[in-house]
Amino acid sequence: MEGDGEYIFPTDTKYVGEIRDGKFHGKGVLYFTNGSKYDATWEEGIAIDGSFFFPDGLEYRDKNWDYCDGYDRRFYTERCFGFIPPGETQLTNVHPPPVIPDGCYDCADGFYDPKIRVITTYTGEFLRN
């Protein structure tokens, strides 16, 4: 493989970008099935510089992280677009929120059930422990 291309992994993660000698090389983006992405510069299949973005667009930073730091507990979408109208409560980062099963927590790509320590998709399929 050589040039600009697209590669889809068995997990449905997709790479779109430059390829040289069958390896990711140059600018390219990994698109994950949950909506997140990793935009990077690659050298012979190894990411040398890049940024990870969560499904809602929030960029991960390993230093100077100012999101959800104890002083500002707003969801990322609330920081970007403001609060929803008075009287409504935003329980998740999605509006309107999915119906959260009793005793479970929304974790951006599904529900976490602390009793069985499992995360399932919003449709009930197993995601991870």
N, C-alpha and C. Protein backbone atom coordinates (compact mmCIF):
# COMPACT_ATOMS: atom_id res chain seq x y z
N MET A 1 0.85 -1.17 0.00
CA MET A 1 0.00 0.00 0.00
C MET A 1 0.90 1.24 0.00
N GLU A 2 0.50 2.22 -0.78
CA GLU A 2 1.31 3.42 -0.94
C GLU A 2 0.40 4.60 -1.29
N GLY A 3 0.66 5.78 -0.69
CA GLY A 3 -0.10 6.99 -1.01
C GLY A 3 -1.18 7.27 0.01
N ASP A 4 -2.17 8.06 -0.39
CA ASP A 4 -3.31 8.35 0.49
C ASP A 4 -4.26 7.16 0.44
N GLY A 5 -4.78 6.78 1.59
CA GLY A 5 -5.65 5.62 1.60
C GLY A 5 -6.50 5.52 2.84
N GLU A 6 -7.20 4.42 2.90
CA GLU A 6 -8.09 4.12 4.02
C GLU A 6 -7.92 2.65 4.36
N TYR A 7 -7.83 2.35 5.66
CA TYR A 7 -7.69 0.98 6.11
C TYR A 7 -8.69 0.76 7.23
N ILE A 8 -9.48 -0.30 7.14
CA ILE A 8 -10.47 -0.60 8.18
C ILE A 8 -10.02 -1.87 8.91
N PHE A 9 -9.84 -1.75 10.21
CA PHE A 9 -9.44 -2.87 11.06
C PHE A 9 -10.62 -3.81 11.29
N PRO A 10 -10.38 -5.05 11.73
CA PRO A 10 -11.48 -5.97 12.04
C PRO A 10 -12.44 -5.42 13.11
N THR A 11 -11.96 -4.50 13.94
CA THR A 11 -12.80 -3.90 14.98
C THR A 11 -13.64 -2.75 14.44
N ASP A 12 -13.54 -2.45 13.14
CA ASP A 12 -14.21 -1.34 12.45
C ASP A 12 -13.59 0.01 12.75
N THR A 13 -12.47 0.05 13.48
CA THR A 13 -11.69 1.28 13.59
C THR A 13 -11.12 1.55 12.20
N LYS A 14 -11.16 2.82 11.78
CA LYS A 14 -10.74 3.16 10.42
C LYS A 14 -9.60 4.16 10.45
N TYR A 15 -8.58 3.89 9.64
CA TYR A 15 -7.48 4.83 9.44
C TYR A 15 -7.68 5.49 8.08
N VAL A 16 -7.55 6.82 8.06
CA VAL A 16 -7.62 7.58 6.82
C VAL A 16 -6.40 8.49 6.79
N GLY A 17 -5.56 8.32 5.78
CA GLY A 17 -4.38 9.16 5.70
C GLY A 17 -3.31 8.60 4.79
N GLU A 18 -2.10 9.06 5.05
CA GLU A 18 -0.97 8.69 4.21
C GLU A 18 -0.39 7.33 4.62
N ILE A 19 0.01 6.56 3.60
CA ILE A 19 0.57 5.23 3.82
C ILE A 19 1.83 5.12 2.95
N ARG A 20 2.87 4.54 3.54
CA ARG A 20 4.10 4.30 2.77
C ARG A 20 4.63 2.92 3.12
N ASP A 21 4.90 2.15 2.11
CA ASP A 21 5.44 0.80 2.29
C ASP A 21 4.55 -0.04 3.21
N GLY A 22 3.22 0.14 3.09
CA GLY A 22 2.28 -0.65 3.88
C GLY A 22 2.11 -0.22 5.32
N LYS A 23 2.70 0.92 5.70
CA LYS A 23 2.60 1.41 7.08
C LYS A 23 2.03 2.83 7.09
N PHE A 24 1.37 3.16 8.20
CA PHE A 24 0.90 4.54 8.36
C PHE A 24 2.14 5.42 8.37
N HIS A 25 2.16 6.43 7.51
CA HIS A 25 3.33 7.29 7.43
C HIS A 25 2.89 8.66 6.90
N GLY A 26 3.08 9.70 7.72
CA GLY A 26 2.63 11.05 7.38
C GLY A 26 1.42 11.40 8.22
N LYS A 27 0.55 12.23 7.69
CA LYS A 27 -0.65 12.66 8.41
C LYS A 27 -1.74 11.61 8.24
N GLY A 28 -2.42 11.30 9.36
CA GLY A 28 -3.51 10.34 9.31
C GLY A 28 -4.35 10.36 10.55
N VAL A 29 -5.58 9.90 10.43
CA VAL A 29 -6.53 9.91 11.53
C VAL A 29 -7.09 8.51 11.73
N LEU A 30 -7.12 8.07 12.99
CA LEU A 30 -7.82 6.84 13.37
C LEU A 30 -9.20 7.24 13.87
N TYR A 31 -10.24 6.69 13.27
CA TYR A 31 -11.62 6.94 13.68
C TYR A 31 -12.12 5.70 14.40
N PHE A 32 -12.50 5.85 15.67
CA PHE A 32 -12.97 4.73 16.48
C PHE A 32 -14.49 4.62 16.39
N THR A 33 -15.01 3.43 16.63
CA THR A 33 -16.45 3.18 16.45
C THR A 33 -17.32 3.95 17.43
N ASN A 34 -16.78 4.40 18.55
CA ASN A 34 -17.58 5.15 19.51
C ASN A 34 -17.65 6.64 19.17
N GLY A 35 -17.01 7.06 18.05
CA GLY A 35 -17.05 8.46 17.64
C GLY A 35 -15.81 9.24 17.99
N SER A 36 -14.90 8.67 18.77
CA SER A 36 -13.66 9.36 19.11
C SER A 36 -12.68 9.21 17.95
N LYS A 37 -11.62 10.02 17.98
CA LYS A 37 -10.62 9.94 16.92
C LYS A 37 -9.25 10.33 17.44
N TYR A 38 -8.23 9.83 16.74
CA TYR A 38 -6.84 10.15 17.05
C TYR A 38 -6.21 10.69 15.78
N ASP A 39 -5.91 11.98 15.78
CA ASP A 39 -5.33 12.69 14.64
C ASP A 39 -3.84 12.81 14.89
N ALA A 40 -3.01 12.22 14.02
CA ALA A 40 -1.58 12.13 14.33
C ALA A 40 -0.69 12.24 13.09
N THR A 41 0.58 12.42 13.39
CA THR A 41 1.65 12.30 12.40
C THR A 41 2.33 10.97 12.70
N TRP A 42 2.51 10.16 11.65
CA TRP A 42 3.02 8.81 11.80
C TRP A 42 4.35 8.66 11.09
N GLU A 43 5.23 7.83 11.66
CA GLU A 43 6.48 7.45 11.01
C GLU A 43 6.60 5.94 11.06
N GLU A 44 6.54 5.33 9.90
CA GLU A 44 6.65 3.89 9.76
C GLU A 44 5.75 3.12 10.74
N GLY A 45 4.50 3.56 10.82
CA GLY A 45 3.51 2.87 11.63
C GLY A 45 3.43 3.29 13.08
N ILE A 46 4.28 4.21 13.51
CA ILE A 46 4.30 4.66 14.91
C ILE A 46 3.88 6.12 14.97
N ALA A 47 2.91 6.43 15.84
CA ALA A 47 2.47 7.81 16.02
C ALA A 47 3.57 8.58 16.76
N ILE A 48 4.04 9.67 16.15
CA ILE A 48 5.09 10.46 16.80
C ILE A 48 4.53 11.74 17.43
N ASP A 49 3.36 12.16 16.99
CA ASP A 49 2.72 13.35 17.54
C ASP A 49 1.25 13.28 17.18
N GLY A 50 0.37 13.52 18.15
CA GLY A 50 -1.04 13.46 17.83
C GLY A 50 -1.93 13.96 18.93
N SER A 51 -3.21 14.05 18.63
CA SER A 51 -4.23 14.50 19.58
C SER A 51 -5.40 13.55 19.55
N PHE A 52 -5.90 13.20 20.75
CA PHE A 52 -7.07 12.35 20.88
C PHE A 52 -8.27 13.23 21.17
N PHE A 53 -9.39 12.95 20.48
CA PHE A 53 -10.62 13.71 20.69
C PHE A 53 -11.73 12.74 21.08
N PHE A 54 -12.44 13.04 22.17
CA PHE A 54 -13.57 12.24 22.60
C PHE A 54 -14.72 12.43 21.62
N PRO A 55 -15.76 11.57 21.66
CA PRO A 55 -16.87 11.68 20.70
C PRO A 55 -17.55 13.05 20.68
N ASP A 56 -17.55 13.76 21.79
CA ASP A 56 -18.21 15.08 21.81
C ASP A 56 -17.29 16.21 21.37
N GLY A 57 -16.07 15.88 20.96
CA GLY A 57 -15.14 16.90 20.47
C GLY A 57 -14.12 17.38 21.48
N LEU A 58 -14.26 16.98 22.74
CA LEU A 58 -13.31 17.38 23.77
C LEU A 58 -11.94 16.79 23.47
N GLU A 59 -10.91 17.63 23.45
CA GLU A 59 -9.55 17.16 23.20
C GLU A 59 -8.90 16.75 24.51
N TYR A 60 -8.31 15.55 24.53
CA TYR A 60 -7.60 15.07 25.72
C TYR A 60 -6.28 15.80 25.83
N ARG A 61 -5.96 16.19 27.08
CA ARG A 61 -4.65 16.77 27.37
C ARG A 61 -4.10 16.08 28.60
N ASP A 62 -2.84 15.66 28.56
CA ASP A 62 -2.26 14.99 29.72
C ASP A 62 -1.71 15.97 30.74
N LYS A 63 -1.55 17.24 30.35
CA LYS A 63 -1.11 18.28 31.29
C LYS A 63 -2.08 19.45 31.18
N ASN A 64 -2.22 20.20 32.28
CA ASN A 64 -3.09 21.38 32.32
C ASN A 64 -4.53 21.05 31.93
N TRP A 65 -5.00 19.90 32.36
CA TRP A 65 -6.38 19.48 32.11
C TRP A 65 -7.28 20.34 32.95
N ASP A 66 -8.22 21.04 32.32
CA ASP A 66 -9.10 21.93 33.08
C ASP A 66 -10.55 21.49 33.02
N TYR A 67 -10.80 20.31 32.50
CA TYR A 67 -12.16 19.83 32.39
C TYR A 67 -12.49 18.93 33.58
N CYS A 68 -13.63 19.17 34.20
CA CYS A 68 -14.11 18.34 35.30
C CYS A 68 -13.05 18.25 36.40
N ASP A 69 -12.58 19.40 36.84
CA ASP A 69 -11.47 19.45 37.77
C ASP A 69 -11.88 19.66 39.23
N GLY A 70 -13.14 19.60 39.52
CA GLY A 70 -13.60 19.81 40.89
C GLY A 70 -14.16 21.21 41.10
N TYR A 71 -13.72 22.17 40.32
CA TYR A 71 -14.23 23.53 40.42
C TYR A 71 -15.30 23.79 39.37
N ASP A 72 -15.17 23.20 38.23
CA ASP A 72 -16.12 23.38 37.14
C ASP A 72 -16.62 22.01 36.72
N ARG A 73 -17.81 21.65 37.16
CA ARG A 73 -18.33 20.30 36.93
C ARG A 73 -19.28 20.23 35.73
N ARG A 74 -19.31 21.28 34.88
CA ARG A 74 -20.19 21.25 33.72
C ARG A 74 -19.74 20.18 32.72
N PHE A 75 -20.71 19.66 31.98
CA PHE A 75 -20.40 18.77 30.86
C PHE A 75 -19.69 19.59 29.79
N TYR A 76 -18.93 18.92 28.95
CA TYR A 76 -18.20 19.61 27.89
C TYR A 76 -19.14 20.38 26.96
N THR A 77 -20.27 19.76 26.60
CA THR A 77 -21.22 20.45 25.72
C THR A 77 -21.79 21.69 26.40
N GLU A 78 -21.95 21.68 27.72
CA GLU A 78 -22.42 22.88 28.44
C GLU A 78 -21.37 23.98 28.38
N ARG A 79 -20.10 23.59 28.44
CA ARG A 79 -19.04 24.59 28.33
C ARG A 79 -19.03 25.22 26.95
N CYS A 80 -19.29 24.41 25.93
CA CYS A 80 -19.26 24.91 24.54
C CYS A 80 -20.52 25.69 24.17
N PHE A 81 -21.68 25.20 24.58
CA PHE A 81 -22.94 25.76 24.09
C PHE A 81 -23.82 26.38 25.17
N GLY A 82 -23.34 26.40 26.41
CA GLY A 82 -24.14 27.00 27.49
C GLY A 82 -25.08 25.99 28.11
N PHE A 83 -25.76 26.45 29.15
CA PHE A 83 -26.69 25.59 29.88
C PHE A 83 -28.01 25.45 29.13
N ILE A 84 -28.71 24.35 29.39
CA ILE A 84 -30.03 24.15 28.81
C ILE A 84 -31.02 25.01 29.59
N PRO A 85 -32.25 25.19 29.07
CA PRO A 85 -33.22 26.06 29.73
C PRO A 85 -33.49 25.69 31.19
N PRO A 86 -33.80 26.69 32.03
CA PRO A 86 -34.11 26.42 33.44
C PRO A 86 -35.24 25.41 33.57
N GLY A 87 -35.16 24.61 34.61
CA GLY A 87 -36.18 23.62 34.87
C GLY A 87 -35.80 22.24 34.36
N GLU A 88 -34.89 22.19 33.38
CA GLU A 88 -34.42 20.90 32.87
C GLU A 88 -33.06 20.62 33.48
N THR A 89 -32.78 19.38 33.77
CA THR A 89 -31.50 19.01 34.33
C THR A 89 -30.75 18.17 33.31
N GLN A 90 -29.50 18.52 33.09
CA GLN A 90 -28.70 17.74 32.15
C GLN A 90 -27.95 16.68 32.94
N LEU A 91 -28.42 15.43 32.83
CA LEU A 91 -27.83 14.33 33.58
C LEU A 91 -26.68 13.66 32.83
N THR A 92 -26.62 13.87 31.52
CA THR A 92 -25.56 13.29 30.70
C THR A 92 -25.06 14.36 29.75
N ASN A 93 -24.07 14.03 28.96
CA ASN A 93 -23.54 14.96 27.98
C ASN A 93 -24.39 15.00 26.72
N VAL A 94 -25.43 14.16 26.64
CA VAL A 94 -26.33 14.11 25.49
C VAL A 94 -27.67 14.68 25.90
N HIS A 95 -28.27 15.50 25.01
CA HIS A 95 -29.58 16.07 25.33
C HIS A 95 -30.52 15.80 24.18
N PRO A 96 -31.67 15.21 24.38
CA PRO A 96 -32.15 14.72 25.67
C PRO A 96 -31.39 13.46 26.07
N PRO A 97 -31.26 13.26 27.37
CA PRO A 97 -30.47 12.12 27.85
C PRO A 97 -31.18 10.80 27.63
N PRO A 98 -30.42 9.72 27.45
CA PRO A 98 -31.06 8.40 27.39
C PRO A 98 -31.61 8.05 28.77
N VAL A 99 -32.56 7.16 28.80
CA VAL A 99 -33.11 6.70 30.08
C VAL A 99 -32.05 5.83 30.73
N ILE A 100 -31.59 6.24 31.91
CA ILE A 100 -30.52 5.53 32.62
C ILE A 100 -31.15 4.48 33.53
N PRO A 101 -30.77 3.21 33.36
CA PRO A 101 -31.32 2.17 34.23
C PRO A 101 -30.99 2.44 35.70
N ASP A 102 -31.88 2.03 36.59
CA ASP A 102 -31.68 2.24 38.03
C ASP A 102 -30.34 1.68 38.48
N GLY A 103 -29.61 2.46 39.25
CA GLY A 103 -28.34 2.04 39.81
C GLY A 103 -27.17 2.11 38.85
N CYS A 104 -27.40 2.55 37.61
CA CYS A 104 -26.35 2.62 36.61
C CYS A 104 -25.91 4.07 36.38
N TYR A 105 -24.81 4.23 35.67
CA TYR A 105 -24.26 5.55 35.35
C TYR A 105 -24.02 5.64 33.84
N ASP A 106 -24.25 6.81 33.29
CA ASP A 106 -23.93 7.05 31.88
C ASP A 106 -22.43 7.30 31.78
N CYS A 107 -21.76 6.65 30.84
CA CYS A 107 -20.31 6.83 30.71
C CYS A 107 -19.92 7.19 29.27
N ALA A 108 -20.75 7.97 28.59
CA ALA A 108 -20.51 8.55 27.27
C ALA A 108 -20.70 7.58 26.11
N ASP A 109 -20.41 6.30 26.28
CA ASP A 109 -20.64 5.36 25.18
C ASP A 109 -21.56 4.22 25.60
N GLY A 110 -22.16 4.34 26.78
CA GLY A 110 -23.07 3.32 27.28
C GLY A 110 -23.34 3.50 28.76
N PHE A 111 -23.83 2.45 29.40
CA PHE A 111 -24.15 2.50 30.82
C PHE A 111 -23.21 1.60 31.61
N TYR A 112 -22.78 2.10 32.77
CA TYR A 112 -21.96 1.31 33.68
C TYR A 112 -22.84 0.82 34.81
N ASP A 113 -22.84 -0.49 35.04
CA ASP A 113 -23.57 -1.09 36.15
C ASP A 113 -22.54 -1.51 37.21
N PRO A 114 -22.45 -0.76 38.33
CA PRO A 114 -21.43 -1.07 39.34
C PRO A 114 -21.64 -2.40 40.05
N LYS A 115 -22.86 -2.94 40.02
CA LYS A 115 -23.11 -4.22 40.69
C LYS A 115 -22.39 -5.36 39.96
N ILE A 116 -22.42 -5.32 38.63
CA ILE A 116 -21.78 -6.39 37.87
C ILE A 116 -20.49 -5.92 37.20
N ARG A 117 -20.17 -4.63 37.37
CA ARG A 117 -18.93 -4.01 36.88
C ARG A 117 -18.76 -4.19 35.37
N VAL A 118 -19.83 -3.88 34.64
CA VAL A 118 -19.85 -4.04 33.19
C VAL A 118 -20.41 -2.78 32.55
N ILE A 119 -19.88 -2.43 31.38
CA ILE A 119 -20.42 -1.32 30.59
C ILE A 119 -21.09 -1.92 29.36
N THR A 120 -22.34 -1.53 29.14
CA THR A 120 -23.09 -1.98 27.98
C THR A 120 -23.42 -0.76 27.11
N THR A 121 -23.67 -1.00 25.83
CA THR A 121 -24.08 0.09 24.93
C THR A 121 -25.46 0.57 25.38
N TYR A 122 -25.89 1.66 24.79
CA TYR A 122 -27.22 2.19 25.10
C TYR A 122 -28.32 1.22 24.68
N THR A 123 -28.00 0.29 23.78
CA THR A 123 -28.97 -0.70 23.34
C THR A 123 -28.84 -2.02 24.09
N GLY A 124 -27.91 -2.09 25.07
CA GLY A 124 -27.79 -3.26 25.92
C GLY A 124 -26.75 -4.27 25.55
N GLU A 125 -25.94 -3.99 24.52
CA GLU A 125 -24.89 -4.93 24.12
C GLU A 125 -23.64 -4.73 24.98
N PHE A 126 -22.93 -5.82 25.29
CA PHE A 126 -21.72 -5.77 26.10
C PHE A 126 -20.64 -4.92 25.40
N LEU A 127 -20.00 -4.02 26.17
CA LEU A 127 -18.86 -3.24 25.67
C LEU A 127 -17.56 -3.66 26.32
N ARG A 128 -17.52 -3.59 27.65
CA ARG A 128 -16.27 -3.94 28.35
C ARG A 128 -16.54 -4.08 29.85
N ASN A 129 -15.54 -4.67 30.54
CA ASN A 129 -15.58 -4.78 32.01
C ASN A 129 -14.90 -3.56 32.58
